PDB file of N, CA and C in Angstrom:
ATOM      1  N   UNK A   1     124.340  59.012 -32.143  1.00  0.00           N
ATOM      2  CA  UNK A   1     123.216  58.126 -32.392  1.00  0.00           C
ATOM      3  C   UNK A   1     122.655  57.624 -31.066  1.00  0.00           C
ATOM      4  N   UNK A   2     121.378  57.606 -30.930  1.00  0.00           N
ATOM      5  CA  UNK A   2     120.702  57.205 -29.698  1.00  0.00           C
ATOM      6  C   UNK A   2     120.860  55.709 -29.451  1.00  0.00           C
ATOM      7  N   UNK A   3     120.835  55.327 -28.148  1.00  0.00           N
ATOM      8  CA  UNK A   3     120.924  53.896 -27.819  1.00  0.00           C
ATOM      9  C   UNK A   3     119.639  53.158 -28.183  1.00  0.00           C
ATOM     10  N   UNK A   4     118.566  53.880 -28.441  1.00  0.00           N
ATOM     11  CA  UNK A   4     117.291  53.271 -28.820  1.00  0.00           C
ATOM     12  C   UNK A   4     117.132  53.120 -30.335  1.00  0.00           C
ATOM     13  N   UNK A   5     118.078  53.612 -31.080  1.00  0.00           N
ATOM     14  CA  UNK A   5     117.982  53.581 -32.540  1.00  0.00           C
ATOM     15  C   UNK A   5     117.812  52.171 -33.100  1.00  0.00           C
ATOM     16  N   UNK A   6     118.544  51.142 -32.630  1.00  0.00           N
ATOM     17  CA  UNK A   6     118.334  49.792 -33.178  1.00  0.00           C
ATOM     18  C   UNK A   6     116.906  49.280 -32.950  1.00  0.00           C
ATOM     19  N   UNK A   7     116.331  49.597 -31.794  1.00  0.00           N
ATOM     20  CA  UNK A   7     114.952  49.175 -31.524  1.00  0.00           C
ATOM     21  C   UNK A   7     113.977  49.871 -32.471  1.00  0.00           C
ATOM     22  N   UNK A   8     114.218  51.135 -32.731  1.00  0.00           N
ATOM     23  CA  UNK A   8     113.362  51.872 -33.658  1.00  0.00           C
ATOM     24  C   UNK A   8     113.462  51.290 -35.063  1.00  0.00           C
ATOM     25  N   UNK A   9     114.663  50.905 -35.461  1.00  0.00           N
ATOM     26  CA  UNK A   9     114.862  50.292 -36.775  1.00  0.00           C
ATOM     27  C   UNK A   9     114.064  49.003 -36.877  1.00  0.00           C
ATOM     28  N   UNK A  10     114.098  48.203 -35.834  1.00  0.00           N
ATOM     29  CA  UNK A  10     113.348  46.944 -35.825  1.00  0.00           C
ATOM     30  C   UNK A  10     111.852  47.235 -35.934  1.00  0.00           C
ATOM     31  N   UNK A  11     111.383  48.216 -35.198  1.00  0.00           N
ATOM     32  CA  UNK A  11     109.949  48.566 -35.254  1.00  0.00           C
ATOM     33  C   UNK A  11     109.538  49.021 -36.645  1.00  0.00           C
ATOM     34  N   UNK A  12     110.385  49.836 -37.261  1.00  0.00           N
ATOM     35  CA  UNK A  12     110.083  50.322 -38.615  1.00  0.00           C
ATOM     36  C   UNK A  12     110.059  49.155 -39.589  1.00  0.00           C
ATOM     37  N   UNK A  13     111.043  48.269 -39.515  1.00  0.00           N
ATOM     38  CA  UNK A  13     111.089  47.103 -40.404  1.00  0.00           C
ATOM     39  C   UNK A  13     109.885  46.196 -40.163  1.00  0.00           C
ATOM     40  N   UNK A  14     109.520  46.009 -38.905  1.00  0.00           N
ATOM     41  CA  UNK A  14     108.365  45.174 -38.568  1.00  0.00           C
ATOM     42  C   UNK A  14     107.088  45.766 -39.167  1.00  0.00           C
ATOM     43  N   UNK A  15     106.936  47.066 -39.074  1.00  0.00           N
ATOM     44  CA  UNK A  15     105.742  47.735 -39.600  1.00  0.00           C
ATOM     45  C   UNK A  15     105.648  47.601 -41.115  1.00  0.00           C
ATOM     46  N   UNK A  16     106.774  47.440 -41.798  1.00  0.00           N
ATOM     47  CA  UNK A  16     106.782  47.301 -43.256  1.00  0.00           C
ATOM     48  C   UNK A  16     106.376  45.903 -43.720  1.00  0.00           C
ATOM     49  N   UNK A  17     106.376  44.928 -42.818  1.00  0.00           N
ATOM     50  CA  UNK A  17     106.120  43.546 -43.208  1.00  0.00           C
ATOM     51  C   UNK A  17     104.650  43.321 -43.543  1.00  0.00           C
ATOM     52  N   UNK A  18     104.418  42.427 -44.474  1.00  0.00           N
ATOM     53  CA  UNK A  18     103.070  42.059 -44.889  1.00  0.00           C
ATOM     54  C   UNK A  18     102.322  41.432 -43.712  1.00  0.00           C
ATOM     55  N   UNK A  19     101.056  41.796 -43.546  1.00  0.00           N
ATOM     56  CA  UNK A  19     100.275  41.220 -42.450  1.00  0.00           C
ATOM     57  C   UNK A  19      99.877  39.777 -42.723  1.00  0.00           C
ATOM     58  N   UNK A  20      99.999  39.339 -43.968  1.00  0.00           N
ATOM     59  CA  UNK A  20      99.697  37.960 -44.329  1.00  0.00           C
ATOM     60  C   UNK A  20     100.885  37.409 -45.127  1.00  0.00           C
ATOM     61  N   UNK A  21     101.974  37.044 -44.437  1.00  0.00           N
ATOM     62  CA  UNK A  21     103.184  36.629 -45.147  1.00  0.00           C
ATOM     63  C   UNK A  21     103.003  35.305 -45.881  1.00  0.00           C
ATOM     64  N   UNK A  22     103.766  35.143 -46.936  1.00  0.00           N
ATOM     65  CA  UNK A  22     103.800  33.877 -47.664  1.00  0.00           C
ATOM     66  C   UNK A  22     104.591  32.885 -46.823  1.00  0.00           C
ATOM     67  N   UNK A  23     103.996  31.738 -46.545  1.00  0.00           N
ATOM     68  CA  UNK A  23     104.626  30.758 -45.655  1.00  0.00           C
ATOM     69  C   UNK A  23     105.978  30.284 -46.162  1.00  0.00           C
ATOM     70  N   UNK A  24     106.102  30.085 -47.458  1.00  0.00           N
ATOM     71  CA  UNK A  24     107.352  29.560 -48.008  1.00  0.00           C
ATOM     72  C   UNK A  24     108.360  30.671 -48.267  1.00  0.00           C
ATOM     73  N   UNK A  25     107.971  31.681 -49.015  1.00  0.00           N
ATOM     74  CA  UNK A  25     108.912  32.731 -49.416  1.00  0.00           C
ATOM     75  C   UNK A  25     109.335  33.615 -48.243  1.00  0.00           C
ATOM     76  N   UNK A  26     108.381  33.989 -47.386  1.00  0.00           N
ATOM     77  CA  UNK A  26     108.689  34.931 -46.310  1.00  0.00           C
ATOM     78  C   UNK A  26     109.160  34.258 -45.019  1.00  0.00           C
ATOM     79  N   UNK A  27     108.577  33.106 -44.713  1.00  0.00           N
ATOM     80  CA  UNK A  27     108.868  32.473 -43.427  1.00  0.00           C
ATOM     81  C   UNK A  27     109.692  31.198 -43.537  1.00  0.00           C
ATOM     82  N   UNK A  28     109.955  30.769 -44.763  1.00  0.00           N
ATOM     83  CA  UNK A  28     110.743  29.564 -45.012  1.00  0.00           C
ATOM     84  C   UNK A  28     110.103  28.312 -44.397  1.00  0.00           C
ATOM     85  N   UNK A  29     108.767  28.288 -44.333  1.00  0.00           N
ATOM     86  CA  UNK A  29     108.052  27.112 -43.852  1.00  0.00           C
ATOM     87  C   UNK A  29     107.894  26.121 -44.995  1.00  0.00           C
ATOM     88  N   UNK A  30     107.832  24.857 -44.653  1.00  0.00           N
ATOM     89  CA  UNK A  30     107.589  23.810 -45.624  1.00  0.00           C
ATOM     90  C   UNK A  30     106.419  22.982 -45.101  1.00  0.00           C
ATOM     91  N   UNK A  31     105.322  22.964 -45.836  1.00  0.00           N
ATOM     92  CA  UNK A  31     104.170  22.177 -45.419  1.00  0.00           C
ATOM     93  C   UNK A  31     104.484  20.698 -45.603  1.00  0.00           C
ATOM     94  N   UNK A  32     104.021  19.902 -44.677  1.00  0.00           N
ATOM     95  CA  UNK A  32     104.317  18.482 -44.702  1.00  0.00           C
ATOM     96  C   UNK A  32     103.107  17.723 -44.171  1.00  0.00           C
ATOM     97  N   UNK A  33     102.895  16.535 -44.691  1.00  0.00           N
ATOM     98  CA  UNK A  33     101.809  15.691 -44.202  1.00  0.00           C
ATOM     99  C   UNK A  33     102.312  14.831 -43.051  1.00  0.00           C
ATOM    100  N   UNK A  34     101.556  14.836 -41.968  1.00  0.00           N
ATOM    101  CA  UNK A  34     101.872  13.996 -40.822  1.00  0.00           C
ATOM    102  C   UNK A  34     100.688  13.082 -40.552  1.00  0.00           C
ATOM    103  N   UNK A  35     100.970  11.918 -40.067  1.00  0.00           N
ATOM    104  CA  UNK A  35      99.934  10.951 -39.722  1.00  0.00           C
ATOM    105  C   UNK A  35      99.525  11.160 -38.273  1.00  0.00           C
ATOM    106  N   UNK A  36      98.222  11.096 -38.009  1.00  0.00           N
ATOM    107  CA  UNK A  36      97.711  11.233 -36.644  1.00  0.00           C
ATOM    108  C   UNK A  36      97.297   9.853 -36.161  1.00  0.00           C
ATOM    109  N   UNK A  37      97.799   9.475 -34.985  1.00  0.00           N
ATOM    110  CA  UNK A  37      97.529   8.157 -34.415  1.00  0.00           C
ATOM    111  C   UNK A  37      96.928   8.350 -33.031  1.00  0.00           C
ATOM    112  N   UNK A  38      95.810   7.663 -32.763  1.00  0.00           N
ATOM    113  CA  UNK A  38      95.260   7.646 -31.402  1.00  0.00           C
ATOM    114  C   UNK A  38      96.170   6.797 -30.537  1.00  0.00           C
ATOM    115  N   UNK A  39      96.594   7.331 -29.425  1.00  0.00           N
ATOM    116  CA  UNK A  39      97.460   6.591 -28.511  1.00  0.00           C
ATOM    117  C   UNK A  39      96.787   6.553 -27.150  1.00  0.00           C
ATOM    118  N   UNK A  40      96.445   5.390 -26.722  1.00  0.00           N
ATOM    119  CA  UNK A  40      95.818   5.245 -25.406  1.00  0.00           C
ATOM    120  C   UNK A  40      96.894   4.861 -24.400  1.00  0.00           C
ATOM    121  N   UNK A  41      96.916   5.603 -23.305  1.00  0.00           N
ATOM    122  CA  UNK A  41      97.896   5.342 -22.264  1.00  0.00           C
ATOM    123  C   UNK A  41      97.156   5.140 -20.953  1.00  0.00           C
ATOM    124  N   UNK A  42      97.881   4.772 -19.924  1.00  0.00           N
ATOM    125  CA  UNK A  42      97.267   4.601 -18.607  1.00  0.00           C
ATOM    126  C   UNK A  42      96.653   5.916 -18.128  1.00  0.00           C
ATOM    127  N   UNK A  43      97.192   7.036 -18.595  1.00  0.00           N
ATOM    128  CA  UNK A  43      96.688   8.346 -18.200  1.00  0.00           C
ATOM    129  C   UNK A  43      95.508   8.827 -19.023  1.00  0.00           C
ATOM    130  N   UNK A  44      95.123   8.111 -20.061  1.00  0.00           N
ATOM    131  CA  UNK A  44      94.009   8.525 -20.905  1.00  0.00           C
ATOM    132  C   UNK A  44      94.388   8.536 -22.365  1.00  0.00           C
ATOM    133  N   UNK A  45      93.569   9.243 -23.154  1.00  0.00           N
ATOM    134  CA  UNK A  45      93.784   9.286 -24.603  1.00  0.00           C
ATOM    135  C   UNK A  45      94.711  10.436 -24.973  1.00  0.00           C
ATOM    136  N   UNK A  46      95.597  10.171 -25.913  1.00  0.00           N
ATOM    137  CA  UNK A  46      96.461  11.188 -26.468  1.00  0.00           C
ATOM    138  C   UNK A  46      96.546  10.978 -27.972  1.00  0.00           C
ATOM    139  N   UNK A  47      96.965  12.022 -28.675  1.00  0.00           N
ATOM    140  CA  UNK A  47      97.189  11.929 -30.108  1.00  0.00           C
ATOM    141  C   UNK A  47      98.688  11.984 -30.361  1.00  0.00           C
ATOM    142  N   UNK A  48      99.150  11.141 -31.265  1.00  0.00           N
ATOM    143  CA  UNK A  48     100.550  11.174 -31.662  1.00  0.00           C
ATOM    144  C   UNK A  48     100.602  11.570 -33.125  1.00  0.00           C
ATOM    145  N   UNK A  49     101.415  12.566 -33.436  1.00  0.00           N
ATOM    146  CA  UNK A  49     101.593  13.052 -34.798  1.00  0.00           C
ATOM    147  C   UNK A  49     102.961  12.587 -35.271  1.00  0.00           C
ATOM    148  N   UNK A  50     102.977  11.856 -36.372  1.00  0.00           N
ATOM    149  CA  UNK A  50     104.213  11.301 -36.928  1.00  0.00           C
ATOM    150  C   UNK A  50     104.405  11.793 -38.356  1.00  0.00           C
ATOM    151  N   UNK A  51     105.615  12.254 -38.683  1.00  0.00           N
ATOM    152  CA  UNK A  51     105.866  12.689 -40.062  1.00  0.00           C
ATOM    153  C   UNK A  51     105.916  11.489 -40.995  1.00  0.00           C
ATOM    154  N   UNK A  52     105.529  11.710 -42.242  1.00  0.00           N
ATOM    155  CA  UNK A  52     105.605  10.632 -43.231  1.00  0.00           C
ATOM    156  C   UNK A  52     107.038  10.365 -43.665  1.00  0.00           C
ATOM    157  N   UNK A  53     107.914  11.338 -43.488  1.00  0.00           N
ATOM    158  CA  UNK A  53     109.317  11.205 -43.861  1.00  0.00           C
ATOM    159  C   UNK A  53     110.052  10.394 -42.789  1.00  0.00           C
ATOM    160  N   UNK A  54     110.502   9.203 -43.154  1.00  0.00           N
ATOM    161  CA  UNK A  54     111.156   8.304 -42.202  1.00  0.00           C
ATOM    162  C   UNK A  54     112.411   8.929 -41.587  1.00  0.00           C
ATOM    163  N   UNK A  55     113.100   9.763 -42.356  1.00  0.00           N
ATOM    164  CA  UNK A  55     114.306  10.415 -41.832  1.00  0.00           C
ATOM    165  C   UNK A  55     113.957  11.332 -40.654  1.00  0.00           C
ATOM    166  N   UNK A  56     112.811  11.992 -40.725  1.00  0.00           N
ATOM    167  CA  UNK A  56     112.397  12.848 -39.615  1.00  0.00           C
ATOM    168  C   UNK A  56     112.070  12.017 -38.380  1.00  0.00           C
ATOM    169  N   UNK A  57     111.468  10.868 -38.573  1.00  0.00           N
ATOM    170  CA  UNK A  57     111.169   9.989 -37.438  1.00  0.00           C
ATOM    171  C   UNK A  57     112.470   9.547 -36.773  1.00  0.00           C
ATOM    172  N   UNK A  58     113.476   9.232 -37.585  1.00  0.00           N
ATOM    173  CA  UNK A  58     114.779   8.841 -37.027  1.00  0.00           C
ATOM    174  C   UNK A  58     115.388   9.969 -36.203  1.00  0.00           C
ATOM    175  N   UNK A  59     115.052  11.207 -36.557  1.00  0.00           N
ATOM    176  CA  UNK A  59     115.548  12.367 -35.816  1.00  0.00           C
ATOM    177  C   UNK A  59     114.642  12.694 -34.635  1.00  0.00           C
ATOM    178  N   UNK A  60     113.735  11.772 -34.309  1.00  0.00           N
ATOM    179  CA  UNK A  60     112.805  11.915 -33.184  1.00  0.00           C
ATOM    180  C   UNK A  60     111.855  13.094 -33.358  1.00  0.00           C
ATOM    181  N   UNK A  61     111.395  13.307 -34.587  1.00  0.00           N
ATOM    182  CA  UNK A  61     110.429  14.367 -34.867  1.00  0.00           C
ATOM    183  C   UNK A  61     109.030  13.790 -34.735  1.00  0.00           C
ATOM    184  N   UNK A  62     108.382  14.079 -33.630  1.00  0.00           N
ATOM    185  CA  UNK A  62     107.009  13.664 -33.419  1.00  0.00           C
ATOM    186  C   UNK A  62     106.394  14.559 -32.358  1.00  0.00           C
ATOM    187  N   UNK A  63     105.074  14.507 -32.261  1.00  0.00           N
ATOM    188  CA  UNK A  63     104.352  15.311 -31.278  1.00  0.00           C
ATOM    189  C   UNK A  63     103.356  14.405 -30.576  1.00  0.00           C
ATOM    190  N   UNK A  64     103.274  14.509 -29.262  1.00  0.00           N
ATOM    191  CA  UNK A  64     102.244  13.838 -28.480  1.00  0.00           C
ATOM    192  C   UNK A  64     101.429  14.935 -27.815  1.00  0.00           C
ATOM    193  N   UNK A  65     100.103  14.893 -28.004  1.00  0.00           N
ATOM    194  CA  UNK A  65      99.271  15.975 -27.489  1.00  0.00           C
ATOM    195  C   UNK A  65      97.950  15.446 -26.959  1.00  0.00           C
ATOM    196  N   UNK A  66      97.418  16.152 -26.005  1.00  0.00           N
ATOM    197  CA  UNK A  66      96.088  15.880 -25.487  1.00  0.00           C
ATOM    198  C   UNK A  66      95.079  16.315 -26.554  1.00  0.00           C
ATOM    199  N   UNK A  67      94.051  15.508 -26.831  1.00  0.00           N
ATOM    200  CA  UNK A  67      93.085  15.878 -27.888  1.00  0.00           C
ATOM    201  C   UNK A  67      92.454  17.259 -27.691  1.00  0.00           C
ATOM    202  N   UNK A  68      92.281  17.703 -26.457  1.00  0.00           N
ATOM    203  CA  UNK A  68      91.688  19.023 -26.207  1.00  0.00           C
ATOM    204  C   UNK A  68      92.617  20.159 -26.601  1.00  0.00           C
ATOM    205  N   UNK A  69      93.886  19.862 -26.792  1.00  0.00           N
ATOM    206  CA  UNK A  69      94.871  20.878 -27.164  1.00  0.00           C
ATOM    207  C   UNK A  69      95.008  21.049 -28.668  1.00  0.00           C
ATOM    208  N   UNK A  70      94.357  20.186 -29.438  1.00  0.00           N
ATOM    209  CA  UNK A  70      94.517  20.183 -30.894  1.00  0.00           C
ATOM    210  C   UNK A  70      93.323  20.880 -31.544  1.00  0.00           C
ATOM    211  N   UNK A  71      93.611  21.774 -32.484  1.00  0.00           N
ATOM    212  CA  UNK A  71      92.574  22.488 -33.223  1.00  0.00           C
ATOM    213  C   UNK A  71      92.767  22.282 -34.709  1.00  0.00           C
ATOM    214  N   UNK A  72      91.678  22.126 -35.439  1.00  0.00           N
ATOM    215  CA  UNK A  72      91.723  22.057 -36.887  1.00  0.00           C
ATOM    216  C   UNK A  72      91.704  23.490 -37.407  1.00  0.00           C
ATOM    217  N   UNK A  73      92.839  23.962 -37.895  1.00  0.00           N
ATOM    218  CA  UNK A  73      92.933  25.344 -38.348  1.00  0.00           C
ATOM    219  C   UNK A  73      92.050  25.618 -39.553  1.00  0.00           C
ATOM    220  N   UNK A  74      91.735  24.589 -40.338  1.00  0.00           N
ATOM    221  CA  UNK A  74      90.846  24.751 -41.481  1.00  0.00           C
ATOM    222  C   UNK A  74      89.441  25.135 -41.043  1.00  0.00           C
ATOM    223  N   UNK A  75      89.054  24.727 -39.856  1.00  0.00           N
ATOM    224  CA  UNK A  75      87.730  25.071 -39.337  1.00  0.00           C
ATOM    225  C   UNK A  75      87.717  26.437 -38.657  1.00  0.00           C
ATOM    226  N   UNK A  76      88.886  26.994 -38.401  1.00  0.00           N
ATOM    227  CA  UNK A  76      88.993  28.269 -37.701  1.00  0.00           C
ATOM    228  C   UNK A  76      88.887  29.474 -38.626  1.00  0.00           C
ATOM    229  N   UNK A  77      88.996  29.239 -39.920  1.00  0.00           N
ATOM    230  CA  UNK A  77      89.017  30.348 -40.888  1.00  0.00           C
ATOM    231  C   UNK A  77      87.626  30.861 -41.136  1.00  0.00           C
TER     232      UNK A  77
END
């Protein structure tokens, strides 16, 4: 068996995958609502994204981002 055989197997399996996978069934994603808060700092404006689930906040699950880095994916379709 060739040393490249595992890579070929991965390529074949990848090619078989749906080009538009189901977020939950195929990728195990879970959609969640997060709150967006304007955060003004000495360095300028930033956005803070906080999960509505308090347990996630306790686990330090949050995002701080520059407004220019954020895109509304609903407008991109």
